[in-house]
Amino acid sequence: MKLKNKVAIVTGAGKGIGETIAKKFALEGAKVMCCARNIEQVNKVVNDIIFSGGEAMGFKVDVSKKSDVEDMVQSVLDQYQRIDILVNNAGVIDDAQLKNMNDEQYDKVIDINLKGTYNCARAVVNTMIAQNAGAIINTSSVVGIYGNFGQTNYAASKFGVIGFTKTWAKELGKHNIRCNAICPGFIATSILDPMPAKVIKALEDKVPLKRLGQPEEIANVFAFLASEEASYMNGAILEVTGGLVI
């Protein structure tokens, strides 16, 4: 088990990729702190992990609210006295073309995707420095590299997450803290459920592998980056897209 006894915080862990990351980390031996705004979803994930023999705790956290994040981090430290891994995965979309986007749409996505990532990293960084060890893994997106029609707010937030990643890798490396980011492509999660079959087929056709990615395929990369197998990876921005942008 590559993450045995590591204490890991995973945000956005109530469903989708975040849920799968949390369960993968638990399978690899981590004590997983599952965070999301929907506590019912979080509790289900925690119960699934415990039922499978893992160790987990659940927290109702809005990452855009500094107090929520700080209270969660303090609770984790009170229980375990350390934090080894932070996965900044919480994120939302609220799409519109620039000419139609309103301030509320823009602010919501920036507050959660970008400020939320900052809030979480800021809350754990001094603990990791004191430990002289840690791994921060940020969820960006292929949109954070190449942009996307109708996603001014989302693209800005995910470009920003890449900027965080490179900056923190430079600042924190001397403290034995690694920071990397993953940029998923089209992944088969519930966010795609409202899409018509022909739209899903069009997405698949854009990918050289001719299929959508599975959440487990993303979680596997997170587990690798969190582990000592990736001990010399720092500041990496990994595209996990099935070759979408070749």
C-alpha atoms as a PDB file:
ATOM      1  CA  MET A   1       0.000   0.000   0.000  1.00  0.00           C
ATOM      2  CA  LYS A   2       1.810   3.066  -1.297  1.00  0.00           C
ATOM      3  CA  LEU A   3       0.073   5.568   1.051  1.00  0.00           C
ATOM      4  CA  LYS A   4       0.065   3.501   4.236  1.00  0.00           C
ATOM      5  CA  ASN A   5      -0.723   5.618   7.326  1.00  0.00           C
ATOM      6  CA  LYS A   6      -0.555   8.899   5.406  1.00  0.00           C
ATOM      7  CA  VAL A   7      -3.094  11.540   6.438  1.00  0.00           C
ATOM      8  CA  ALA A   8      -4.741  12.924   3.315  1.00  0.00           C
ATOM      9  CA  ILE A   9      -7.270  15.710   2.829  1.00  0.00           C
ATOM     10  CA  VAL A  10      -9.385  15.430  -0.326  1.00  0.00           C
ATOM     11  CA  THR A  11     -11.723  18.287  -1.220  1.00  0.00           C
ATOM     12  CA  GLY A  12     -14.682  17.802  -3.506  1.00  0.00           C
ATOM     13  CA  ALA A  13     -14.814  14.236  -2.216  1.00  0.00           C
ATOM     14  CA  GLY A  14     -18.578  13.827  -2.240  1.00  0.00           C
ATOM     15  CA  LYS A  15     -18.881  12.519  -5.778  1.00  0.00           C
ATOM     16  CA  GLY A  16     -17.185  12.082  -9.119  1.00  0.00           C
ATOM     17  CA  ILE A  17     -13.411  12.222  -9.388  1.00  0.00           C
ATOM     18  CA  GLY A  18     -13.029  13.357  -5.765  1.00  0.00           C
ATOM     19  CA  GLU A  19     -14.976  10.394  -4.422  1.00  0.00           C
ATOM     20  CA  THR A  20     -12.865   8.043  -6.507  1.00  0.00           C
ATOM     21  CA  ILE A  21      -9.633   9.678  -5.315  1.00  0.00           C
ATOM     22  CA  ALA A  22     -10.726   9.328  -1.689  1.00  0.00           C
ATOM     23  CA  LYS A  23     -11.536   5.650  -2.127  1.00  0.00           C
ATOM     24  CA  LYS A  24      -8.304   4.970  -4.015  1.00  0.00           C
ATOM     25  CA  PHE A  25      -6.248   6.656  -1.305  1.00  0.00           C
ATOM     26  CA  ALA A  26      -8.008   4.604   1.358  1.00  0.00           C
ATOM     27  CA  LEU A  27      -7.320   1.438  -0.611  1.00  0.00           C
ATOM     28  CA  GLU A  28      -3.648   2.435  -0.639  1.00  0.00           C
ATOM     29  CA  GLY A  29      -3.656   2.752   3.160  1.00  0.00           C
ATOM     30  CA  ALA A  30      -4.229   6.478   3.720  1.00  0.00           C
ATOM     31  CA  LYS A  31      -6.386   7.960   6.441  1.00  0.00           C
ATOM     32  CA  VAL A  32      -8.689  10.043   4.253  1.00  0.00           C
ATOM     33  CA  MET A  33     -10.328  13.301   5.285  1.00  0.00           C
ATOM     34  CA  CYS A  34     -13.264  13.705   2.885  1.00  0.00           C
ATOM     35  CA  CYS A  35     -14.519  17.263   2.386  1.00  0.00           C
ATOM     36  CA  ALA A  36     -17.404  18.716   0.387  1.00  0.00           C
ATOM     37  CA  ARG A  37     -20.337  21.102   0.769  1.00  0.00           C
ATOM     38  CA  ASN A  38     -22.875  18.255   0.686  1.00  0.00           C
ATOM     39  CA  ILE A  39     -22.379  16.405   3.968  1.00  0.00           C
ATOM     40  CA  GLU A  40     -24.800  13.613   3.003  1.00  0.00           C
ATOM     41  CA  GLN A  41     -22.649  12.742   0.005  1.00  0.00           C
ATOM     42  CA  VAL A  42     -19.506  12.976   2.118  1.00  0.00           C
ATOM     43  CA  ASN A  43     -20.910  10.683   4.786  1.00  0.00           C
ATOM     44  CA  LYS A  44     -21.797   8.083   2.171  1.00  0.00           C
ATOM     45  CA  VAL A  45     -18.229   8.094   0.856  1.00  0.00           C
ATOM     46  CA  VAL A  46     -16.836   7.842   4.382  1.00  0.00           C
ATOM     47  CA  ASN A  47     -19.147   4.943   5.198  1.00  0.00           C
ATOM     48  CA  ASP A  48     -18.134   3.152   1.994  1.00  0.00           C
ATOM     49  CA  ILE A  49     -14.468   3.522   2.919  1.00  0.00           C
ATOM     50  CA  ILE A  50     -14.971   2.299   6.465  1.00  0.00           C
ATOM     51  CA  PHE A  51     -17.110  -0.631   5.264  1.00  0.00           C
ATOM     52  CA  SER A  52     -14.228  -1.626   2.963  1.00  0.00           C
ATOM     53  CA  GLY A  53     -11.788  -1.627   5.883  1.00  0.00           C
ATOM     54  CA  GLY A  54     -10.324   1.844   5.423  1.00  0.00           C
ATOM     55  CA  GLU A  55     -10.111   4.850   7.720  1.00  0.00           C
ATOM     56  CA  ALA A  56     -11.876   8.118   6.925  1.00  0.00           C
ATOM     57  CA  MET A  57     -13.532  11.180   8.403  1.00  0.00           C
ATOM     58  CA  GLY A  58     -16.044  13.508   6.783  1.00  0.00           C
ATOM     59  CA  PHE A  59     -16.313  17.294   6.915  1.00  0.00           C
ATOM     60  CA  LYS A  60     -18.818  19.780   5.562  1.00  0.00           C
ATOM     61  CA  VAL A  61     -16.550  22.353   3.914  1.00  0.00           C
ATOM     62  CA  ASP A  62     -17.098  25.194   1.488  1.00  0.00           C
ATOM     63  CA  VAL A  63     -13.522  25.789   0.338  1.00  0.00           C
ATOM     64  CA  SER A  64     -14.324  29.376  -0.632  1.00  0.00           C
ATOM     65  CA  LYS A  65     -14.870  30.088   3.078  1.00  0.00           C
ATOM     66  CA  LYS A  66     -11.594  30.421   4.946  1.00  0.00           C
ATOM     67  CA  SER A  67     -13.195  29.621   8.310  1.00  0.00           C
ATOM     68  CA  ASP A  68     -14.622  26.324   7.015  1.00  0.00           C
ATOM     69  CA  VAL A  69     -11.204  25.271   5.779  1.00  0.00           C
ATOM     70  CA  GLU A  70      -9.335  26.339   8.911  1.00  0.00           C
ATOM     71  CA  ASP A  71     -11.812  24.570  11.205  1.00  0.00           C
ATOM     72  CA  MET A  72     -11.479  21.356   9.178  1.00  0.00           C
ATOM     73  CA  VAL A  73      -7.681  21.488   9.191  1.00  0.00           C
ATOM     74  CA  GLN A  74      -7.599  22.083  12.947  1.00  0.00           C
ATOM     75  CA  SER A  75      -9.891  19.086  13.502  1.00  0.00           C
ATOM     76  CA  VAL A  76      -7.574  16.908  11.418  1.00  0.00           C
ATOM     77  CA  LEU A  77      -4.540  18.096  13.372  1.00  0.00           C
ATOM     78  CA  ASP A  78      -6.321  17.513  16.680  1.00  0.00           C
ATOM     79  CA  GLN A  79      -6.985  13.918  15.601  1.00  0.00           C
ATOM     80  CA  TYR A  80      -3.750  12.994  13.805  1.00  0.00           C
ATOM     81  CA  GLN A  81      -1.179  15.732  14.580  1.00  0.00           C
ATOM     82  CA  ARG A  82      -0.039  15.811  10.937  1.00  0.00           C
ATOM     83  CA  ILE A  83      -1.173  16.292   7.353  1.00  0.00           C
ATOM     84  CA  ASP A  84       0.787  14.483   4.678  1.00  0.00           C
ATOM     85  CA  ILE A  85      -1.259  15.045   1.522  1.00  0.00           C
ATOM     86  CA  LEU A  86      -3.615  17.734   0.280  1.00  0.00           C
ATOM     87  CA  VAL A  87      -5.703  17.124  -2.834  1.00  0.00           C
ATOM     88  CA  ASN A  88      -7.318  20.336  -4.035  1.00  0.00           C
ATOM     89  CA  ASN A  89     -10.127  18.857  -6.105  1.00  0.00           C
ATOM     90  CA  ALA A  90     -13.225  20.918  -5.235  1.00  0.00           C
ATOM     91  CA  GLY A  91     -14.528  22.718  -8.289  1.00  0.00           C
ATOM     92  CA  VAL A  92     -17.614  23.978 -10.095  1.00  0.00           C
ATOM     93  CA  ILE A  93     -18.604  25.123 -13.566  1.00  0.00           C
ATOM     94  CA  ASP A  94     -21.052  27.840 -14.575  1.00  0.00           C
ATOM     95  CA  ASP A  95     -20.592  28.396 -18.280  1.00  0.00           C
ATOM     96  CA  ALA A  96     -21.466  31.302 -20.527  1.00  0.00           C
ATOM     97  CA  GLN A  97     -19.860  33.202 -23.366  1.00  0.00           C
ATOM     98  CA  LEU A  98     -18.081  36.355 -22.268  1.00  0.00           C
ATOM     99  CA  LYS A  99     -20.803  38.573 -23.737  1.00  0.00           C
ATOM    100  CA  ASN A 100     -23.427  36.809 -21.616  1.00  0.00           C
ATOM    101  CA  MET A 101     -21.513  36.033 -18.411  1.00  0.00           C
ATOM    102  CA  ASN A 102     -22.630  37.845 -15.280  1.00  0.00           C
ATOM    103  CA  ASP A 103     -20.536  38.770 -12.259  1.00  0.00           C
ATOM    104  CA  GLU A 104     -22.185  36.148 -10.059  1.00  0.00           C
ATOM    105  CA  GLN A 105     -21.202  33.343 -12.442  1.00  0.00           C
ATOM    106  CA  TYR A 106     -17.645  34.604 -12.660  1.00  0.00           C
ATOM    107  CA  ASP A 107     -17.210  35.148  -8.935  1.00  0.00           C
ATOM    108  CA  LYS A 108     -18.675  31.761  -7.944  1.00  0.00           C
ATOM    109  CA  VAL A 109     -16.271  29.785 -10.124  1.00  0.00           C
ATOM    110  CA  ILE A 110     -13.225  31.856  -9.184  1.00  0.00           C
ATOM    111  CA  ASP A 111     -14.083  31.733  -5.472  1.00  0.00           C
ATOM    112  CA  ILE A 112     -14.370  27.947  -5.349  1.00  0.00           C
ATOM    113  CA  ASN A 113     -11.886  26.775  -7.972  1.00  0.00           C
ATOM    114  CA  LEU A 114      -9.126  29.320  -7.406  1.00  0.00           C
ATOM    115  CA  LYS A 115      -9.581  30.972  -4.025  1.00  0.00           C
ATOM    116  CA  GLY A 116     -10.646  27.637  -2.555  1.00  0.00           C
ATOM    117  CA  THR A 117      -7.405  26.042  -3.713  1.00  0.00           C
ATOM    118  CA  TYR A 118      -5.463  28.904  -2.136  1.00  0.00           C
ATOM    119  CA  ASN A 119      -7.432  28.671   1.120  1.00  0.00           C
ATOM    120  CA  CYS A 120      -6.718  24.967   1.526  1.00  0.00           C
ATOM    121  CA  ALA A 121      -3.028  25.196   0.696  1.00  0.00           C
ATOM    122  CA  ARG A 122      -2.589  28.194   2.972  1.00  0.00           C
ATOM    123  CA  ALA A 123      -4.248  26.302   5.824  1.00  0.00           C
ATOM    124  CA  VAL A 124      -1.898  23.292   5.631  1.00  0.00           C
ATOM    125  CA  VAL A 125       1.388  24.792   4.467  1.00  0.00           C
ATOM    126  CA  ASN A 126       2.845  25.684   7.871  1.00  0.00           C
ATOM    127  CA  THR A 127       2.094  22.205   9.186  1.00  0.00           C
ATOM    128  CA  MET A 128       3.834  20.639   6.193  1.00  0.00           C
ATOM    129  CA  ILE A 129       6.818  22.982   6.596  1.00  0.00           C
ATOM    130  CA  ALA A 130       7.127  22.028  10.272  1.00  0.00           C
ATOM    131  CA  GLN A 131       7.006  18.349   9.273  1.00  0.00           C
ATOM    132  CA  ASN A 132       9.531  18.951   6.491  1.00  0.00           C
ATOM    133  CA  ALA A 133       7.329  16.763   4.329  1.00  0.00           C
ATOM    134  CA  GLY A 134       4.163  16.924   2.293  1.00  0.00           C
ATOM    135  CA  ALA A 135       2.499  16.594  -1.081  1.00  0.00           C
ATOM    136  CA  ILE A 136       0.000  19.021  -2.593  1.00  0.00           C
ATOM    137  CA  ILE A 137      -1.836  17.886  -5.713  1.00  0.00           C
ATOM    138  CA  ASN A 138      -4.090  20.325  -7.508  1.00  0.00           C
ATOM    139  CA  THR A 139      -6.839  19.484  -9.956  1.00  0.00           C
ATOM    140  CA  SER A 140      -6.583  21.727 -12.974  1.00  0.00           C
ATOM    141  CA  SER A 141      -8.077  20.798 -16.352  1.00  0.00           C
ATOM    142  CA  VAL A 142      -7.182  20.517 -19.996  1.00  0.00           C
ATOM    143  CA  VAL A 143      -9.176  23.771 -20.201  1.00  0.00           C
ATOM    144  CA  GLY A 144      -6.565  25.307 -17.901  1.00  0.00           C
ATOM    145  CA  ILE A 145      -3.950  24.801 -20.603  1.00  0.00           C
ATOM    146  CA  TYR A 146      -5.814  25.406 -23.837  1.00  0.00           C
ATOM    147  CA  GLY A 147      -8.928  27.386 -22.880  1.00  0.00           C
ATOM    148  CA  ASN A 148     -12.423  26.509 -24.036  1.00  0.00           C
ATOM    149  CA  PHE A 149     -15.363  28.215 -25.682  1.00  0.00           C
ATOM    150  CA  GLY A 150     -17.872  29.537 -23.143  1.00  0.00           C
ATOM    151  CA  GLN A 151     -15.659  28.973 -20.114  1.00  0.00           C
ATOM    152  CA  THR A 152     -14.016  32.311 -19.348  1.00  0.00           C
ATOM    153  CA  ASN A 153     -14.401  31.819 -15.592  1.00  0.00           C
ATOM    154  CA  TYR A 154     -13.470  28.128 -15.517  1.00  0.00           C
ATOM    155  CA  ALA A 155     -10.461  28.563 -17.807  1.00  0.00           C
ATOM    156  CA  ALA A 156      -9.198  31.486 -15.720  1.00  0.00           C
ATOM    157  CA  SER A 157      -9.529  29.465 -12.519  1.00  0.00           C
ATOM    158  CA  LYS A 158      -7.755  26.426 -13.918  1.00  0.00           C
ATOM    159  CA  PHE A 159      -4.974  28.484 -15.549  1.00  0.00           C
ATOM    160  CA  GLY A 160      -4.576  30.040 -12.093  1.00  0.00           C
ATOM    161  CA  VAL A 161      -4.307  26.648 -10.424  1.00  0.00           C
ATOM    162  CA  ILE A 162      -1.408  25.819 -12.742  1.00  0.00           C
ATOM    163  CA  GLY A 163       0.239  29.088 -11.714  1.00  0.00           C
ATOM    164  CA  PHE A 164      -0.214  28.169  -8.057  1.00  0.00           C
ATOM    165  CA  THR A 165       1.304  24.758  -8.693  1.00  0.00           C
ATOM    166  CA  LYS A 166       4.470  26.056 -10.340  1.00  0.00           C
ATOM    167  CA  THR A 167       4.911  28.791  -7.740  1.00  0.00           C
ATOM    168  CA  TRP A 168       4.400  26.509  -4.751  1.00  0.00           C
ATOM    169  CA  ALA A 169       6.750  23.922  -6.252  1.00  0.00           C
ATOM    170  CA  LYS A 170       9.475  26.576  -6.291  1.00  0.00           C
ATOM    171  CA  GLU A 171       8.710  27.945  -2.831  1.00  0.00           C
ATOM    172  CA  LEU A 172       8.152  24.703  -0.953  1.00  0.00           C
ATOM    173  CA  GLY A 173      10.593  22.271  -2.522  1.00  0.00           C
ATOM    174  CA  LYS A 174      13.286  23.231  -0.024  1.00  0.00           C
ATOM    175  CA  HIS A 175      10.934  22.033   2.717  1.00  0.00           C
ATOM    176  CA  ASN A 176      10.536  18.608   1.074  1.00  0.00           C
ATOM    177  CA  ILE A 177       7.003  19.528  -0.034  1.00  0.00           C
ATOM    178  CA  ARG A 178       6.118  18.589  -3.596  1.00  0.00           C
ATOM    179  CA  CYS A 179       3.370  20.323  -5.544  1.00  0.00           C
ATOM    180  CA  ASN A 180       1.988  18.964  -8.804  1.00  0.00           C
ATOM    181  CA  ALA A 181      -1.200  19.296 -10.839  1.00  0.00           C
ATOM    182  CA  ILE A 182      -3.325  16.992 -12.954  1.00  0.00           C
ATOM    183  CA  CYS A 183      -5.292  18.180 -15.975  1.00  0.00           C
ATOM    184  CA  PRO A 184      -8.076  15.700 -16.763  1.00  0.00           C
ATOM    185  CA  GLY A 185      -9.761  15.612 -20.138  1.00  0.00           C
ATOM    186  CA  PHE A 186     -13.250  14.236 -20.780  1.00  0.00           C
ATOM    187  CA  ILE A 187     -14.060  11.965 -17.828  1.00  0.00           C
ATOM    188  CA  ALA A 188     -17.194   9.837 -17.434  1.00  0.00           C
ATOM    189  CA  THR A 189     -18.764  11.283 -14.304  1.00  0.00           C
ATOM    190  CA  SER A 190     -22.277  12.401 -13.382  1.00  0.00           C
ATOM    191  CA  ILE A 191     -21.518  15.884 -14.721  1.00  0.00           C
ATOM    192  CA  LEU A 192     -22.039  14.430 -18.189  1.00  0.00           C
ATOM    193  CA  ASP A 193     -25.393  12.803 -17.389  1.00  0.00           C
ATOM    194  CA  PRO A 194     -27.535  15.623 -18.857  1.00  0.00           C
ATOM    195  CA  MET A 195     -25.682  15.494 -22.174  1.00  0.00           C
ATOM    196  CA  PRO A 196     -27.367  13.802 -25.144  1.00  0.00           C
ATOM    197  CA  ALA A 197     -25.774  10.595 -26.439  1.00  0.00           C
ATOM    198  CA  LYS A 198     -24.726  12.291 -29.666  1.00  0.00           C
ATOM    199  CA  VAL A 199     -22.799  14.911 -27.708  1.00  0.00           C
ATOM    200  CA  ILE A 200     -21.025  12.209 -25.699  1.00  0.00           C
ATOM    201  CA  LYS A 201     -20.177  10.431 -28.950  1.00  0.00           C
ATOM    202  CA  ALA A 202     -18.742  13.652 -30.341  1.00  0.00           C
ATOM    203  CA  LEU A 203     -16.540  14.005 -27.261  1.00  0.00           C
ATOM    204  CA  GLU A 204     -15.309  10.429 -27.620  1.00  0.00           C
ATOM    205  CA  ASP A 205     -14.511  10.982 -31.291  1.00  0.00           C
ATOM    206  CA  LYS A 206     -12.157  13.847 -30.384  1.00  0.00           C
ATOM    207  CA  VAL A 207     -10.008  11.521 -28.270  1.00  0.00           C
ATOM    208  CA  PRO A 208      -7.454   9.270 -30.016  1.00  0.00           C
ATOM    209  CA  LEU A 209      -8.384   6.449 -27.630  1.00  0.00           C
ATOM    210  CA  LYS A 210     -12.018   6.894 -28.790  1.00  0.00           C
ATOM    211  CA  ARG A 211     -13.503   6.790 -25.320  1.00  0.00           C
ATOM    212  CA  LEU A 212     -14.014   8.897 -22.230  1.00  0.00           C
ATOM    213  CA  GLY A 213     -11.682   8.504 -19.299  1.00  0.00           C
ATOM    214  CA  GLN A 214     -12.838   6.727 -16.159  1.00  0.00           C
ATOM    215  CA  PRO A 215     -12.558   8.380 -12.727  1.00  0.00           C
ATOM    216  CA  GLU A 216     -10.355   5.495 -11.582  1.00  0.00           C
ATOM    217  CA  GLU A 217      -7.836   6.378 -14.291  1.00  0.00           C
ATOM    218  CA  ILE A 218      -7.527   9.875 -12.845  1.00  0.00           C
ATOM    219  CA  ALA A 219      -7.423   8.646  -9.237  1.00  0.00           C
ATOM    220  CA  ASN A 220      -4.544   6.324 -10.091  1.00  0.00           C
ATOM    221  CA  VAL A 221      -2.441   9.295 -11.180  1.00  0.00           C
ATOM    222  CA  PHE A 222      -3.302  11.206  -8.002  1.00  0.00           C
ATOM    223  CA  ALA A 223      -2.229   8.209  -5.916  1.00  0.00           C
ATOM    224  CA  PHE A 224       1.052   8.008  -7.822  1.00  0.00           C
ATOM    225  CA  LEU A 225       1.821  11.705  -7.319  1.00  0.00           C
ATOM    226  CA  ALA A 226       0.943  11.460  -3.617  1.00  0.00           C
ATOM    227  CA  SER A 227       3.301   8.521  -3.102  1.00  0.00           C
ATOM    228  CA  GLU A 228       7.052   8.144  -2.785  1.00  0.00           C
ATOM    229  CA  GLU A 229       7.040   6.651  -6.271  1.00  0.00           C
ATOM    230  CA  ALA A 230       6.831  10.272  -7.458  1.00  0.00           C
ATOM    231  CA  SER A 231       9.425  11.570  -4.999  1.00  0.00           C
ATOM    232  CA  TYR A 232      11.303  13.586  -7.640  1.00  0.00           C
ATOM    233  CA  MET A 233       8.230  15.027  -9.336  1.00  0.00           C
ATOM    234  CA  ASN A 234       7.668  18.658  -8.429  1.00  0.00           C
ATOM    235  CA  GLY A 235       5.932  21.359 -10.436  1.00  0.00           C
ATOM    236  CA  ALA A 236       4.653  18.847 -12.988  1.00  0.00           C
ATOM    237  CA  ILE A 237       1.450  19.554 -14.913  1.00  0.00           C
ATOM    238  CA  LEU A 238       0.188  16.186 -16.107  1.00  0.00           C
ATOM    239  CA  GLU A 239      -2.418  15.922 -18.849  1.00  0.00           C
ATOM    240  CA  VAL A 240      -4.568  12.827 -18.453  1.00  0.00           C
ATOM    241  CA  THR A 241      -6.710  13.149 -21.557  1.00  0.00           C
ATOM    242  CA  GLY A 242      -6.353  10.042 -23.694  1.00  0.00           C
ATOM    243  CA  GLY A 243      -4.365  12.146 -26.151  1.00  0.00           C
ATOM    244  CA  LEU A 244      -7.114  14.724 -26.662  1.00  0.00           C
ATOM    245  CA  VAL A 245      -4.825  17.599 -27.579  1.00  0.00           C
ATOM    246  CA  ILE A 246      -2.262  15.800 -29.727  1.00  0.00           C
END
